[in-house]
N, C-alpha and C. Protein backbone atom coordinates (compact mmCIF):
# COMPACT_ATOMS: atom_id res chain seq x y z
N UNK A 1 -11.69 26.63 5.88
CA UNK A 1 -11.91 25.66 6.51
C UNK A 1 -12.71 26.00 7.51
N UNK A 2 -13.28 25.22 8.28
CA UNK A 2 -14.10 25.75 9.46
C UNK A 2 -13.56 24.61 10.62
N UNK A 3 -13.48 24.92 11.91
CA UNK A 3 -13.13 23.78 12.85
C UNK A 3 -14.23 23.82 13.82
N UNK A 4 -14.51 22.65 13.92
CA UNK A 4 -15.78 22.35 14.79
C UNK A 4 -14.92 22.22 16.49
N UNK A 5 -15.50 22.98 17.31
CA UNK A 5 -14.55 22.83 18.73
C UNK A 5 -15.68 22.35 19.77
N UNK A 6 -15.36 21.45 20.66
CA UNK A 6 -16.17 21.28 22.05
C UNK A 6 -16.67 22.11 22.78
N UNK A 7 -17.21 21.78 24.01
CA UNK A 7 -17.83 23.39 25.08
C UNK A 7 -16.66 23.66 25.79
N UNK A 8 -15.52 22.56 25.38
CA UNK A 8 -14.54 23.25 26.34
C UNK A 8 -13.14 24.11 25.40
N UNK A 9 -13.84 24.10 24.01
CA UNK A 9 -12.72 24.97 23.40
C UNK A 9 -11.90 23.91 22.46
N UNK A 10 -11.78 23.04 22.47
CA UNK A 10 -10.71 21.94 22.06
C UNK A 10 -11.48 21.77 20.81
N UNK A 11 -10.32 21.68 19.72
CA UNK A 11 -10.65 21.38 18.17
C UNK A 11 -10.99 19.51 18.14
N UNK A 12 -12.14 19.07 17.69
CA UNK A 12 -12.81 17.70 17.50
C UNK A 12 -13.23 17.53 16.11
N UNK A 13 -13.09 18.53 14.99
CA UNK A 13 -13.38 17.94 13.80
C UNK A 13 -13.11 19.50 12.63
N UNK A 14 -12.95 19.10 11.67
CA UNK A 14 -12.62 20.32 10.68
C UNK A 14 -13.28 19.88 9.52
N UNK A 15 -14.15 21.01 8.79
CA UNK A 15 -14.81 21.16 7.56
C UNK A 15 -13.93 21.84 6.52
N UNK A 16 -13.93 20.66 5.37
CA UNK A 16 -12.68 21.10 4.14
C UNK A 16 -13.63 21.64 2.97
N UNK A 17 -13.55 22.91 2.32
CA UNK A 17 -14.26 22.90 1.03
C UNK A 17 -13.71 21.65 0.28
N UNK A 18 -14.75 21.46 -0.53
CA UNK A 18 -14.48 20.18 -1.41
C UNK A 18 -13.40 20.24 -2.58
N UNK A 19 -13.26 21.93 -2.92
CA UNK A 19 -12.06 21.78 -3.70
C UNK A 19 -10.97 21.60 -2.90
N UNK A 20 -10.74 22.13 -1.71
CA UNK A 20 -9.32 21.80 -1.06
C UNK A 20 -9.03 20.38 -0.63
N UNK A 21 -10.11 20.05 -0.28
CA UNK A 21 -10.10 18.12 -0.36
C UNK A 21 -9.84 17.40 -1.48
N UNK A 22 -10.22 18.04 -2.57
CA UNK A 22 -9.74 17.49 -3.84
C UNK A 22 -8.17 17.80 -4.40
N UNK A 23 -7.80 18.63 -3.94
CA UNK A 23 -6.23 18.96 -4.36
C UNK A 23 -6.00 18.26 -3.08
N UNK A 24 -6.14 17.81 -1.91
CA UNK A 24 -5.52 17.06 -0.84
C UNK A 24 -5.37 15.91 -1.36
N UNK A 25 -6.41 15.37 -1.64
CA UNK A 25 -6.40 13.83 -2.65
C UNK A 25 -5.93 13.39 -3.74
N UNK A 26 -5.31 14.52 -4.58
CA UNK A 26 -4.25 14.67 -5.61
C UNK A 26 -3.06 14.73 -5.06
N UNK A 27 -2.94 15.55 -4.31
CA UNK A 27 -1.46 15.53 -3.76
C UNK A 27 -1.24 14.24 -2.91
N UNK A 28 -1.99 13.57 -2.31
CA UNK A 28 -1.81 12.29 -1.63
C UNK A 28 -1.58 11.24 -2.72
N UNK A 29 -2.20 11.20 -3.75
CA UNK A 29 -1.98 10.15 -4.66
C UNK A 29 -0.52 10.14 -5.30
N UNK A 30 -0.40 11.46 -5.45
CA UNK A 30 1.50 11.90 -5.84
C UNK A 30 2.03 11.02 -5.05
N UNK A 31 2.20 11.68 -3.77
CA UNK A 31 3.00 10.96 -2.75
C UNK A 31 3.08 9.68 -2.73
N UNK A 32 1.95 8.87 -2.95
CA UNK A 32 1.84 7.68 -2.86
C UNK A 32 2.61 7.09 -4.35
N UNK A 33 2.57 7.60 -5.58
CA UNK A 33 3.46 7.07 -6.55
C UNK A 33 4.85 7.38 -5.89
N UNK A 34 5.15 8.27 -5.45
CA UNK A 34 6.78 8.64 -5.27
C UNK A 34 7.12 7.60 -4.38
N UNK A 35 6.07 7.50 -3.41
CA UNK A 35 6.82 6.44 -2.36
C UNK A 35 6.78 5.10 -2.96
N UNK A 36 5.82 4.71 -3.77
CA UNK A 36 6.09 3.51 -4.24
C UNK A 36 7.60 3.57 -5.62
N UNK A 37 7.68 4.53 -5.96
CA UNK A 37 8.89 4.43 -6.72
C UNK A 37 10.16 4.27 -6.04
N UNK A 38 10.07 4.82 -4.88
CA UNK A 38 11.18 4.89 -3.97
C UNK A 38 11.16 3.26 -3.44
N UNK A 39 10.10 2.92 -3.29
CA UNK A 39 9.95 1.63 -2.66
C UNK A 39 10.78 0.32 -3.98
N UNK A 40 10.43 0.80 -5.12
CA UNK A 40 11.22 -0.24 -6.35
C UNK A 40 12.35 -0.02 -6.49
N UNK A 41 12.83 1.61 -6.40
CA UNK A 41 14.15 1.78 -6.64
C UNK A 41 15.12 1.15 -5.39
N UNK A 42 14.93 1.07 -4.00
CA UNK A 42 15.34 0.40 -3.22
C UNK A 42 15.65 -1.25 -3.28
N UNK A 43 14.48 -1.94 -3.67
CA UNK A 43 14.35 -3.05 -4.05
C UNK A 43 15.19 -3.47 -5.31
N UNK A 44 15.52 -2.66 -6.27
CA UNK A 44 16.31 -2.81 -7.22
C UNK A 44 17.96 -2.63 -6.30
N UNK A 45 18.08 -1.91 -5.71
CA UNK A 45 19.27 -1.79 -5.41
C UNK A 45 19.69 -3.08 -4.27
N UNK A 46 18.82 -3.53 -3.66
CA UNK A 46 18.80 -4.67 -2.69
C UNK A 46 19.42 -5.53 -3.38
N UNK A 47 18.72 -5.73 -4.51
CA UNK A 47 18.79 -7.23 -5.62
C UNK A 47 20.00 -7.23 -5.82
N UNK A 48 20.71 -5.85 -6.55
CA UNK A 48 21.87 -5.78 -6.89
C UNK A 48 23.05 -6.24 -6.08
N UNK A 49 22.70 -5.64 -4.34
CA UNK A 49 23.92 -5.81 -3.79
C UNK A 49 23.55 -7.16 -3.11
N UNK A 50 22.74 -8.24 -3.54
CA UNK A 50 22.70 -9.37 -3.10
C UNK A 50 21.90 -9.30 -1.45
N UNK A 51 21.13 -8.75 -1.35
CA UNK A 51 20.41 -8.44 -0.22
C UNK A 51 18.88 -9.19 -0.47
N UNK A 52 18.78 -9.64 -1.67
CA UNK A 52 17.67 -9.94 -2.31
C UNK A 52 17.68 -10.97 -3.18
N UNK A 53 17.06 -12.35 -3.59
CA UNK A 53 17.48 -13.08 -4.36
C UNK A 53 16.73 -12.81 -5.60
N UNK A 54 15.68 -12.06 -5.59
CA UNK A 54 15.08 -11.85 -6.82
C UNK A 54 13.89 -10.65 -6.83
N UNK A 55 13.86 -9.81 -7.43
CA UNK A 55 12.54 -8.72 -7.34
C UNK A 55 11.72 -8.82 -7.99
N UNK A 56 10.47 -7.98 -7.69
CA UNK A 56 9.18 -8.25 -8.50
C UNK A 56 9.11 -7.39 -9.83
N UNK A 57 8.35 -8.23 -10.54
CA UNK A 57 8.41 -7.54 -11.99
C UNK A 57 7.87 -6.11 -12.04
N UNK A 58 7.97 -5.51 -13.33
CA UNK A 58 7.43 -4.14 -13.41
C UNK A 58 5.81 -4.23 -13.05
N UNK A 59 5.13 -5.27 -13.62
CA UNK A 59 3.49 -5.14 -13.50
C UNK A 59 3.00 -5.56 -12.54
N UNK A 60 3.86 -6.20 -11.45
CA UNK A 60 3.50 -6.11 -9.99
C UNK A 60 3.63 -5.09 -9.21
N UNK A 61 4.58 -4.13 -9.53
CA UNK A 61 4.99 -2.73 -8.70
C UNK A 61 3.73 -1.52 -9.53
N UNK A 62 3.20 -1.75 -10.60
CA UNK A 62 2.44 -1.35 -11.28
C UNK A 62 0.88 -1.34 -10.64
N UNK A 63 0.81 -2.72 -10.39
CA UNK A 63 -0.92 -3.28 -10.13
C UNK A 63 -0.74 -3.49 -8.46
N UNK A 64 0.18 -2.68 -7.90
CA UNK A 64 0.40 -2.53 -6.38
C UNK A 64 -0.83 -1.48 -6.32
N UNK A 65 -1.57 -1.74 -5.12
CA UNK A 65 -2.81 -0.79 -4.06
C UNK A 65 -3.64 -0.43 -5.39
């Protein structure tokens, strides 16, 4: 990784090698999937507890994002 600094020495940008960038994007995608699953489980719990009248279908969850 390379840091770009201004004339005062403050970091203003970062250059990330493409391999690292690709790995970060892969991890980000996995985290989004886990977040969506967590939201889906909470929705199911809310429906069971009567906090929601109905939930979304599995197809709706899968097509999200």
